[in-house]
Amino acid sequence: MSIVVLWSTHAERLDDEALLTAMALGDHRAAAVFVRRHQRSVYGLAVTICRDAVLGEDLAQQTFERIWRHAGSFDARRGSVRVWMMTICRRLCIVALR
């Protein structure tokens, strides 16, 4: 079994805050786990707000890009990872609809 497979198995068990910390350090595998874990809910929110599947896909992608860029600024004292992530998505949707 390779080290990548072992890391991936371990990463699946990490909580969202730990994944964000790894993402802030540039860990692409942590980002992949994070996206797989949350892609349905982020896409679902984007489509619900925008009422457009294609735009929803674009906004979900932008959400994860923004999460990647700002992972190091996440502050658990201000709310959960899920709330932070969904707020990013919601704000991007509002801007797109203006």
PDB file of N, CA and C in Angstrom:
ATOM      1  N   MET A   1       0.851  -1.166   0.000  1.00  0.00           N
ATOM      2  CA  MET A   1       0.000   0.000   0.000  1.00  0.00           C
ATOM      3  C   MET A   1       0.904   1.240   0.000  1.00  0.00           C
ATOM      4  N   SER A   2       0.606   2.183  -0.854  1.00  0.00           N
ATOM      5  CA  SER A   2       1.467   3.359  -0.963  1.00  0.00           C
ATOM      6  C   SER A   2       1.114   4.387   0.105  1.00  0.00           C
ATOM      7  N   ILE A   3       2.042   5.301   0.325  1.00  0.00           N
ATOM      8  CA  ILE A   3       1.842   6.361   1.316  1.00  0.00           C
ATOM      9  C   ILE A   3       0.671   7.263   0.932  1.00  0.00           C
ATOM     10  N   VAL A   4       0.443   7.477  -0.377  1.00  0.00           N
ATOM     11  CA  VAL A   4      -0.662   8.325  -0.831  1.00  0.00           C
ATOM     12  C   VAL A   4      -1.996   7.714  -0.427  1.00  0.00           C
ATOM     13  N   VAL A   5      -2.135   6.415  -0.622  1.00  0.00           N
ATOM     14  CA  VAL A   5      -3.377   5.734  -0.256  1.00  0.00           C
ATOM     15  C   VAL A   5      -3.588   5.823   1.251  1.00  0.00           C
ATOM     16  N   LEU A   6      -2.526   5.618   2.028  1.00  0.00           N
ATOM     17  CA  LEU A   6      -2.646   5.715   3.476  1.00  0.00           C
ATOM     18  C   LEU A   6      -3.038   7.124   3.894  1.00  0.00           C
ATOM     19  N   TRP A   7      -2.419   8.141   3.282  1.00  0.00           N
ATOM     20  CA  TRP A   7      -2.758   9.521   3.617  1.00  0.00           C
ATOM     21  C   TRP A   7      -4.211   9.798   3.274  1.00  0.00           C
ATOM     22  N   SER A   8      -4.643   9.361   2.095  1.00  0.00           N
ATOM     23  CA  SER A   8      -6.014   9.615   1.666  1.00  0.00           C
ATOM     24  C   SER A   8      -7.014   8.969   2.621  1.00  0.00           C
ATOM     25  N   THR A   9      -6.729   7.767   3.069  1.00  0.00           N
ATOM     26  CA  THR A   9      -7.598   7.085   4.018  1.00  0.00           C
ATOM     27  C   THR A   9      -7.654   7.871   5.324  1.00  0.00           C
ATOM     28  N   HIS A  10      -6.500   8.344   5.779  1.00  0.00           N
ATOM     29  CA  HIS A  10      -6.443   9.140   7.003  1.00  0.00           C
ATOM     30  C   HIS A  10      -7.163  10.472   6.819  1.00  0.00           C
ATOM     31  N   ALA A  11      -6.981  11.097   5.683  1.00  0.00           N
ATOM     32  CA  ALA A  11      -7.584  12.407   5.421  1.00  0.00           C
ATOM     33  C   ALA A  11      -9.101  12.333   5.467  1.00  0.00           C
ATOM     34  N   GLU A  12      -9.662  11.237   5.028  1.00  0.00           N
ATOM     35  CA  GLU A  12     -11.119  11.079   5.054  1.00  0.00           C
ATOM     36  C   GLU A  12     -11.650  11.169   6.481  1.00  0.00           C
ATOM     37  N   ARG A  13     -10.817  10.841   7.467  1.00  0.00           N
ATOM     38  CA  ARG A  13     -11.250  10.858   8.856  1.00  0.00           C
ATOM     39  C   ARG A  13     -11.011  12.200   9.542  1.00  0.00           C
ATOM     40  N   LEU A  14     -10.286  13.105   8.890  1.00  0.00           N
ATOM     41  CA  LEU A  14     -10.009  14.405   9.486  1.00  0.00           C
ATOM     42  C   LEU A  14     -11.267  15.267   9.508  1.00  0.00           C
ATOM     43  N   ASP A  15     -11.380  16.116  10.516  1.00  0.00           N
ATOM     44  CA  ASP A  15     -12.514  17.033  10.535  1.00  0.00           C
ATOM     45  C   ASP A  15     -12.229  18.194   9.586  1.00  0.00           C
ATOM     46  N   ASP A  16     -13.245  18.986   9.352  1.00  0.00           N
ATOM     47  CA  ASP A  16     -13.134  20.063   8.370  1.00  0.00           C
ATOM     48  C   ASP A  16     -12.075  21.094   8.745  1.00  0.00           C
ATOM     49  N   GLU A  17     -11.937  21.400  10.028  1.00  0.00           N
ATOM     50  CA  GLU A  17     -10.923  22.366  10.450  1.00  0.00           C
ATOM     51  C   GLU A  17      -9.519  21.866  10.138  1.00  0.00           C
ATOM     52  N   ALA A  18      -9.276  20.589  10.367  1.00  0.00           N
ATOM     53  CA  ALA A  18      -7.962  20.019  10.067  1.00  0.00           C
ATOM     54  C   ALA A  18      -7.698  20.044   8.559  1.00  0.00           C
ATOM     55  N   LEU A  19      -8.723  19.770   7.776  1.00  0.00           N
ATOM     56  CA  LEU A  19      -8.560  19.833   6.321  1.00  0.00           C
ATOM     57  C   LEU A  19      -8.243  21.253   5.873  1.00  0.00           C
ATOM     58  N   LEU A  20      -8.915  22.250   6.458  1.00  0.00           N
ATOM     59  CA  LEU A  20      -8.633  23.646   6.115  1.00  0.00           C
ATOM     60  C   LEU A  20      -7.200  24.020   6.481  1.00  0.00           C
ATOM     61  N   THR A  21      -6.730  23.549   7.618  1.00  0.00           N
ATOM     62  CA  THR A  21      -5.353  23.819   8.018  1.00  0.00           C
ATOM     63  C   THR A  21      -4.383  23.236   6.999  1.00  0.00           C
ATOM     64  N   ALA A  22      -4.643  22.017   6.570  1.00  0.00           N
ATOM     65  CA  ALA A  22      -3.790  21.391   5.550  1.00  0.00           C
ATOM     66  C   ALA A  22      -3.876  22.131   4.225  1.00  0.00           C
ATOM     67  N   MET A  23      -5.068  22.589   3.875  1.00  0.00           N
ATOM     68  CA  MET A  23      -5.243  23.352   2.645  1.00  0.00           C
ATOM     69  C   MET A  23      -4.468  24.665   2.706  1.00  0.00           C
ATOM     70  N   ALA A  24      -4.468  25.307   3.867  1.00  0.00           N
ATOM     71  CA  ALA A  24      -3.741  26.566   4.039  1.00  0.00           C
ATOM     72  C   ALA A  24      -2.245  26.359   3.831  1.00  0.00           C
ATOM     73  N   LEU A  25      -1.790  25.144   4.064  1.00  0.00           N
ATOM     74  CA  LEU A  25      -0.380  24.802   3.856  1.00  0.00           C
ATOM     75  C   LEU A  25      -0.113  24.313   2.437  1.00  0.00           C
ATOM     76  N   GLY A  26      -1.149  24.331   1.595  1.00  0.00           N
ATOM     77  CA  GLY A  26      -0.995  23.967   0.196  1.00  0.00           C
ATOM     78  C   GLY A  26      -1.221  22.503  -0.126  1.00  0.00           C
ATOM     79  N   ASP A  27      -1.877  21.776   0.743  1.00  0.00           N
ATOM     80  CA  ASP A  27      -2.085  20.341   0.540  1.00  0.00           C
ATOM     81  C   ASP A  27      -3.262  20.103  -0.403  1.00  0.00           C
ATOM     82  N   HIS A  28      -2.952  19.684  -1.615  1.00  0.00           N
ATOM     83  CA  HIS A  28      -3.974  19.434  -2.635  1.00  0.00           C
ATOM     84  C   HIS A  28      -4.856  18.243  -2.290  1.00  0.00           C
ATOM     85  N   ARG A  29      -4.298  17.244  -1.631  1.00  0.00           N
ATOM     86  CA  ARG A  29      -5.097  16.068  -1.269  1.00  0.00           C
ATOM     87  C   ARG A  29      -6.148  16.428  -0.232  1.00  0.00           C
ATOM     88  N   ALA A  30      -5.789  17.302   0.705  1.00  0.00           N
ATOM     89  CA  ALA A  30      -6.772  17.757   1.693  1.00  0.00           C
ATOM     90  C   ALA A  30      -7.894  18.519   0.998  1.00  0.00           C
ATOM     91  N   ALA A  31      -7.531  19.324   0.004  1.00  0.00           N
ATOM     92  CA  ALA A  31      -8.539  20.069  -0.749  1.00  0.00           C
ATOM     93  C   ALA A  31      -9.481  19.114  -1.475  1.00  0.00           C
ATOM     94  N   ALA A  32      -8.930  18.066  -2.053  1.00  0.00           N
ATOM     95  CA  ALA A  32      -9.766  17.093  -2.773  1.00  0.00           C
ATOM     96  C   ALA A  32     -10.756  16.417  -1.823  1.00  0.00           C
ATOM     97  N   VAL A  33     -10.300  16.070  -0.634  1.00  0.00           N
ATOM     98  CA  VAL A  33     -11.183  15.453   0.359  1.00  0.00           C
ATOM     99  C   VAL A  33     -12.262  16.450   0.768  1.00  0.00           C
ATOM    100  N   PHE A  34     -11.867  17.693   1.006  1.00  0.00           N
ATOM    101  CA  PHE A  34     -12.803  18.730   1.413  1.00  0.00           C
ATOM    102  C   PHE A  34     -13.874  18.949   0.347  1.00  0.00           C
ATOM    103  N   VAL A  35     -13.453  19.056  -0.898  1.00  0.00           N
ATOM    104  CA  VAL A  35     -14.410  19.277  -1.993  1.00  0.00           C
ATOM    105  C   VAL A  35     -15.364  18.087  -2.108  1.00  0.00           C
ATOM    106  N   ARG A  36     -14.824  16.871  -2.095  1.00  0.00           N
ATOM    107  CA  ARG A  36     -15.698  15.686  -2.181  1.00  0.00           C
ATOM    108  C   ARG A  36     -16.724  15.676  -1.048  1.00  0.00           C
ATOM    109  N   ARG A  37     -16.297  16.076   0.108  1.00  0.00           N
ATOM    110  CA  ARG A  37     -17.178  16.055   1.275  1.00  0.00           C
ATOM    111  C   ARG A  37     -18.311  17.084   1.166  1.00  0.00           C
ATOM    112  N   HIS A  38     -18.054  18.218   0.532  1.00  0.00           N
ATOM    113  CA  HIS A  38     -19.014  19.326   0.571  1.00  0.00           C
ATOM    114  C   HIS A  38     -19.580  19.742  -0.780  1.00  0.00           C
ATOM    115  N   GLN A  39     -19.166  19.112  -1.853  1.00  0.00           N
ATOM    116  CA  GLN A  39     -19.572  19.591  -3.178  1.00  0.00           C
ATOM    117  C   GLN A  39     -21.083  19.568  -3.388  1.00  0.00           C
ATOM    118  N   ARG A  40     -21.755  18.567  -2.896  1.00  0.00           N
ATOM    119  CA  ARG A  40     -23.208  18.494  -3.105  1.00  0.00           C
ATOM    120  C   ARG A  40     -23.948  19.622  -2.402  1.00  0.00           C
ATOM    121  N   SER A  41     -23.570  19.913  -1.167  1.00  0.00           N
ATOM    122  CA  SER A  41     -24.294  20.952  -0.435  1.00  0.00           C
ATOM    123  C   SER A  41     -23.988  22.347  -0.983  1.00  0.00           C
ATOM    124  N   VAL A  42     -22.743  22.597  -1.383  1.00  0.00           N
ATOM    125  CA  VAL A  42     -22.401  23.906  -1.952  1.00  0.00           C
ATOM    126  C   VAL A  42     -23.101  24.094  -3.297  1.00  0.00           C
ATOM    127  N   TYR A  43     -23.032  23.085  -4.141  1.00  0.00           N
ATOM    128  CA  TYR A  43     -23.707  23.163  -5.441  1.00  0.00           C
ATOM    129  C   TYR A  43     -25.214  23.321  -5.242  1.00  0.00           C
ATOM    130  N   GLY A  44     -25.776  22.570  -4.300  1.00  0.00           N
ATOM    131  CA  GLY A  44     -27.208  22.655  -4.028  1.00  0.00           C
ATOM    132  C   GLY A  44     -27.636  24.042  -3.597  1.00  0.00           C
ATOM    133  N   LEU A  45     -26.858  24.674  -2.738  1.00  0.00           N
ATOM    134  CA  LEU A  45     -27.177  26.025  -2.312  1.00  0.00           C
ATOM    135  C   LEU A  45     -27.087  26.993  -3.488  1.00  0.00           C
ATOM    136  N   ALA A  46     -26.031  26.872  -4.282  1.00  0.00           N
ATOM    137  CA  ALA A  46     -25.850  27.776  -5.425  1.00  0.00           C
ATOM    138  C   ALA A  46     -27.010  27.650  -6.413  1.00  0.00           C
ATOM    139  N   VAL A  47     -27.424  26.439  -6.716  1.00  0.00           N
ATOM    140  CA  VAL A  47     -28.526  26.231  -7.657  1.00  0.00           C
ATOM    141  C   VAL A  47     -29.842  26.731  -7.059  1.00  0.00           C
ATOM    142  N   THR A  48     -30.036  26.511  -5.783  1.00  0.00           N
ATOM    143  CA  THR A  48     -31.256  26.976  -5.125  1.00  0.00           C
ATOM    144  C   THR A  48     -31.364  28.500  -5.185  1.00  0.00           C
ATOM    145  N   ILE A  49     -30.260  29.184  -4.939  1.00  0.00           N
ATOM    146  CA  ILE A  49     -30.289  30.647  -4.955  1.00  0.00           C
ATOM    147  C   ILE A  49     -30.400  31.175  -6.384  1.00  0.00           C
ATOM    148  N   CYS A  50     -29.616  30.614  -7.299  1.00  0.00           N
ATOM    149  CA  CYS A  50     -29.534  31.159  -8.665  1.00  0.00           C
ATOM    150  C   CYS A  50     -30.581  30.590  -9.613  1.00  0.00           C
ATOM    151  N   ARG A  51     -31.103  29.426  -9.283  1.00  0.00           N
ATOM    152  CA  ARG A  51     -32.078  28.751 -10.139  1.00  0.00           C
ATOM    153  C   ARG A  51     -31.524  28.463 -11.533  1.00  0.00           C
ATOM    154  N   ASP A  52     -30.235  28.154 -11.588  1.00  0.00           N
ATOM    155  CA  ASP A  52     -29.565  27.877 -12.857  1.00  0.00           C
ATOM    156  C   ASP A  52     -28.434  26.884 -12.588  1.00  0.00           C
ATOM    157  N   ALA A  53     -28.523  25.693 -13.189  1.00  0.00           N
ATOM    158  CA  ALA A  53     -27.543  24.640 -12.922  1.00  0.00           C
ATOM    159  C   ALA A  53     -26.137  25.008 -13.386  1.00  0.00           C
ATOM    160  N   VAL A  54     -26.024  25.620 -14.556  1.00  0.00           N
ATOM    161  CA  VAL A  54     -24.702  25.970 -15.085  1.00  0.00           C
ATOM    162  C   VAL A  54     -24.061  27.058 -14.225  1.00  0.00           C
ATOM    163  N   LEU A  55     -24.822  28.081 -13.918  1.00  0.00           N
ATOM    164  CA  LEU A  55     -24.308  29.142 -13.047  1.00  0.00           C
ATOM    165  C   LEU A  55     -23.988  28.577 -11.667  1.00  0.00           C
ATOM    166  N   GLY A  56     -24.823  27.673 -11.189  1.00  0.00           N
ATOM    167  CA  GLY A  56     -24.576  27.024  -9.900  1.00  0.00           C
ATOM    168  C   GLY A  56     -23.260  26.279  -9.872  1.00  0.00           C
ATOM    169  N   GLU A  57     -22.935  25.591 -10.959  1.00  0.00           N
ATOM    170  CA  GLU A  57     -21.637  24.899 -11.062  1.00  0.00           C
ATOM    171  C   GLU A  57     -20.482  25.885 -10.975  1.00  0.00           C
ATOM    172  N   ASP A  58     -20.598  26.967 -11.733  1.00  0.00           N
ATOM    173  CA  ASP A  58     -19.540  27.983 -11.728  1.00  0.00           C
ATOM    174  C   ASP A  58     -19.363  28.587 -10.337  1.00  0.00           C
ATOM    175  N   LEU A  59     -20.462  28.878  -9.686  1.00  0.00           N
ATOM    176  CA  LEU A  59     -20.389  29.493  -8.361  1.00  0.00           C
ATOM    177  C   LEU A  59     -19.881  28.518  -7.304  1.00  0.00           C
ATOM    178  N   ALA A  60     -20.232  27.254  -7.436  1.00  0.00           N
ATOM    179  CA  ALA A  60     -19.683  26.248  -6.518  1.00  0.00           C
ATOM    180  C   ALA A  60     -18.167  26.165  -6.685  1.00  0.00           C
ATOM    181  N   GLN A  61     -17.709  26.171  -7.931  1.00  0.00           N
ATOM    182  CA  GLN A  61     -16.260  26.148  -8.188  1.00  0.00           C
ATOM    183  C   GLN A  61     -15.590  27.381  -7.588  1.00  0.00           C
ATOM    184  N   GLN A  62     -16.196  28.543  -7.798  1.00  0.00           N
ATOM    185  CA  GLN A  62     -15.635  29.773  -7.237  1.00  0.00           C
ATOM    186  C   GLN A  62     -15.600  29.724  -5.709  1.00  0.00           C
ATOM    187  N   THR A  63     -16.622  29.106  -5.123  1.00  0.00           N
ATOM    188  CA  THR A  63     -16.651  28.958  -3.669  1.00  0.00           C
ATOM    189  C   THR A  63     -15.454  28.161  -3.188  1.00  0.00           C
ATOM    190  N   PHE A  64     -15.188  27.030  -3.824  1.00  0.00           N
ATOM    191  CA  PHE A  64     -14.064  26.201  -3.384  1.00  0.00           C
ATOM    192  C   PHE A  64     -12.716  26.870  -3.676  1.00  0.00           C
ATOM    193  N   GLU A  65     -12.648  27.632  -4.739  1.00  0.00           N
ATOM    194  CA  GLU A  65     -11.417  28.382  -5.007  1.00  0.00           C
ATOM    195  C   GLU A  65     -11.170  29.411  -3.907  1.00  0.00           C
ATOM    196  N   ARG A  66     -12.226  30.096  -3.511  1.00  0.00           N
ATOM    197  CA  ARG A  66     -12.097  31.101  -2.455  1.00  0.00           C
ATOM    198  C   ARG A  66     -11.740  30.437  -1.132  1.00  0.00           C
ATOM    199  N   ILE A  67     -12.349  29.292  -0.841  1.00  0.00           N
ATOM    200  CA  ILE A  67     -12.025  28.556   0.385  1.00  0.00           C
ATOM    201  C   ILE A  67     -10.549  28.186   0.377  1.00  0.00           C
ATOM    202  N   TRP A  68     -10.048  27.709  -0.758  1.00  0.00           N
ATOM    203  CA  TRP A  68      -8.641  27.336  -0.883  1.00  0.00           C
ATOM    204  C   TRP A  68      -7.747  28.539  -0.581  1.00  0.00           C
ATOM    205  N   ARG A  69      -8.065  29.680  -1.212  1.00  0.00           N
ATOM    206  CA  ARG A  69      -7.223  30.873  -1.052  1.00  0.00           C
ATOM    207  C   ARG A  69      -7.251  31.431   0.370  1.00  0.00           C
ATOM    208  N   HIS A  70      -8.381  31.267   1.052  1.00  0.00           N
ATOM    209  CA  HIS A  70      -8.551  31.887   2.368  1.00  0.00           C
ATOM    210  C   HIS A  70      -8.632  30.870   3.510  1.00  0.00           C
ATOM    211  N   ALA A  71      -8.225  29.655   3.264  1.00  0.00           N
ATOM    212  CA  ALA A  71      -8.305  28.611   4.291  1.00  0.00           C
ATOM    213  C   ALA A  71      -7.566  29.018   5.565  1.00  0.00           C
ATOM    214  N   GLY A  72      -6.466  29.701   5.415  1.00  0.00           N
ATOM    215  CA  GLY A  72      -5.683  30.116   6.571  1.00  0.00           C
ATOM    216  C   GLY A  72      -6.350  31.183   7.422  1.00  0.00           C
ATOM    217  N   SER A  73      -7.349  31.852   6.887  1.00  0.00           N
ATOM    218  CA  SER A  73      -8.017  32.911   7.651  1.00  0.00           C
ATOM    219  C   SER A  73      -9.270  32.420   8.380  1.00  0.00           C
ATOM    220  N   PHE A  74      -9.604  31.142   8.229  1.00  0.00           N
ATOM    221  CA  PHE A  74     -10.777  30.617   8.923  1.00  0.00           C
ATOM    222  C   PHE A  74     -10.571  30.732  10.431  1.00  0.00           C
ATOM    223  N   ASP A  75     -11.597  31.208  11.126  1.00  0.00           N
ATOM    224  CA  ASP A  75     -11.556  31.377  12.579  1.00  0.00           C
ATOM    225  C   ASP A  75     -12.752  30.647  13.191  1.00  0.00           C
ATOM    226  N   ALA A  76     -12.480  29.535  13.843  1.00  0.00           N
ATOM    227  CA  ALA A  76     -13.544  28.704  14.416  1.00  0.00           C
ATOM    228  C   ALA A  76     -14.326  29.428  15.503  1.00  0.00           C
ATOM    229  N   ARG A  77     -13.764  30.478  16.085  1.00  0.00           N
ATOM    230  CA  ARG A  77     -14.481  31.232  17.116  1.00  0.00           C
ATOM    231  C   ARG A  77     -15.661  32.002  16.525  1.00  0.00           C
ATOM    232  N   ARG A  78     -15.623  32.233  15.214  1.00  0.00           N
ATOM    233  CA  ARG A  78     -16.683  33.016  14.561  1.00  0.00           C
ATOM    234  C   ARG A  78     -17.793  32.143  13.988  1.00  0.00           C
ATOM    235  N   GLY A  79     -17.583  30.831  13.942  1.00  0.00           N
ATOM    236  CA  GLY A  79     -18.602  29.934  13.411  1.00  0.00           C
ATOM    237  C   GLY A  79     -17.972  28.651  12.884  1.00  0.00           C
ATOM    238  N   SER A  80     -18.814  27.741  12.471  1.00  0.00           N
ATOM    239  CA  SER A  80     -18.329  26.451  11.971  1.00  0.00           C
ATOM    240  C   SER A  80     -17.805  26.579  10.546  1.00  0.00           C
ATOM    241  N   VAL A  81     -17.065  25.583  10.129  1.00  0.00           N
ATOM    242  CA  VAL A  81     -16.568  25.550   8.756  1.00  0.00           C
ATOM    243  C   VAL A  81     -17.744  25.568   7.786  1.00  0.00           C
ATOM    244  N   ARG A  82     -18.768  24.802   8.087  1.00  0.00           N
ATOM    245  CA  ARG A  82     -19.934  24.734   7.193  1.00  0.00           C
ATOM    246  C   ARG A  82     -20.597  26.108   7.024  1.00  0.00           C
ATOM    247  N   VAL A  83     -20.787  26.828   8.109  1.00  0.00           N
ATOM    248  CA  VAL A  83     -21.405  28.153   8.028  1.00  0.00           C
ATOM    249  C   VAL A  83     -20.515  29.094   7.226  1.00  0.00           C
ATOM    250  N   TRP A  84     -19.215  29.066   7.475  1.00  0.00           N
ATOM    251  CA  TRP A  84     -18.259  29.896   6.743  1.00  0.00           C
ATOM    252  C   TRP A  84     -18.319  29.603   5.245  1.00  0.00           C
ATOM    253  N   MET A  85     -18.301  28.326   4.910  1.00  0.00           N
ATOM    254  CA  MET A  85     -18.317  27.884   3.517  1.00  0.00           C
ATOM    255  C   MET A  85     -19.618  28.285   2.817  1.00  0.00           C
ATOM    256  N   MET A  86     -20.738  28.071   3.479  1.00  0.00           N
ATOM    257  CA  MET A  86     -22.019  28.398   2.873  1.00  0.00           C
ATOM    258  C   MET A  86     -22.218  29.912   2.769  1.00  0.00           C
ATOM    259  N   THR A  87     -21.641  30.663   3.679  1.00  0.00           N
ATOM    260  CA  THR A  87     -21.696  32.126   3.588  1.00  0.00           C
ATOM    261  C   THR A  87     -20.920  32.613   2.371  1.00  0.00           C
ATOM    262  N   ILE A  88     -19.776  32.023   2.134  1.00  0.00           N
ATOM    263  CA  ILE A  88     -18.992  32.363   0.936  1.00  0.00           C
ATOM    264  C   ILE A  88     -19.820  32.089  -0.310  1.00  0.00           C
ATOM    265  N   CYS A  89     -20.437  30.926  -0.372  1.00  0.00           N
ATOM    266  CA  CYS A  89     -21.250  30.554  -1.532  1.00  0.00           C
ATOM    267  C   CYS A  89     -22.418  31.524  -1.700  1.00  0.00           C
ATOM    268  N   ARG A  90     -23.112  31.812  -0.631  1.00  0.00           N
ATOM    269  CA  ARG A  90     -24.263  32.717  -0.677  1.00  0.00           C
ATOM    270  C   ARG A  90     -23.857  34.088  -1.188  1.00  0.00           C
ATOM    271  N   ARG A  91     -22.754  34.616  -0.682  1.00  0.00           N
ATOM    272  CA  ARG A  91     -22.303  35.942  -1.120  1.00  0.00           C
ATOM    273  C   ARG A  91     -21.924  35.955  -2.588  1.00  0.00           C
ATOM    274  N   LEU A  92     -21.270  34.904  -3.055  1.00  0.00           N
ATOM    275  CA  LEU A  92     -20.927  34.822  -4.480  1.00  0.00           C
ATOM    276  C   LEU A  92     -22.182  34.771  -5.338  1.00  0.00           C
ATOM    277  N   CYS A  93     -23.197  34.070  -4.869  1.00  0.00           N
ATOM    278  CA  CYS A  93     -24.464  33.990  -5.608  1.00  0.00           C
ATOM    279  C   CYS A  93     -25.129  35.353  -5.693  1.00  0.00           C
ATOM    280  N   ILE A  94     -25.156  36.060  -4.584  1.00  0.00           N
ATOM    281  CA  ILE A  94     -25.776  37.394  -4.575  1.00  0.00           C
ATOM    282  C   ILE A  94     -25.065  38.318  -5.551  1.00  0.00           C
ATOM    283  N   VAL A  95     -23.747  38.302  -5.544  1.00  0.00           N
ATOM    284  CA  VAL A  95     -22.979  39.148  -6.463  1.00  0.00           C
ATOM    285  C   VAL A  95     -23.284  38.757  -7.909  1.00  0.00           C
ATOM    286  N   ALA A  96     -23.366  37.469  -8.190  1.00  0.00           N
ATOM    287  CA  ALA A  96     -23.619  36.999  -9.548  1.00  0.00           C
ATOM    288  C   ALA A  96     -25.008  37.407 -10.040  1.00  0.00           C
ATOM    289  N   LEU A  97     -25.968  37.489  -9.141  1.00  0.00           N
ATOM    290  CA  LEU A  97     -27.340  37.829  -9.528  1.00  0.00           C
ATOM    291  C   LEU A  97     -27.562  39.339  -9.682  1.00  0.00           C
ATOM    292  N   ARG A  98     -26.645  40.127  -9.223  1.00  0.00           N
ATOM    293  CA  ARG A  98     -26.803  41.598  -9.351  1.00  0.00           C
ATOM    294  C   ARG A  98     -26.608  42.060 -10.743  1.00  0.00           C
TER     295      ARG A  98
END
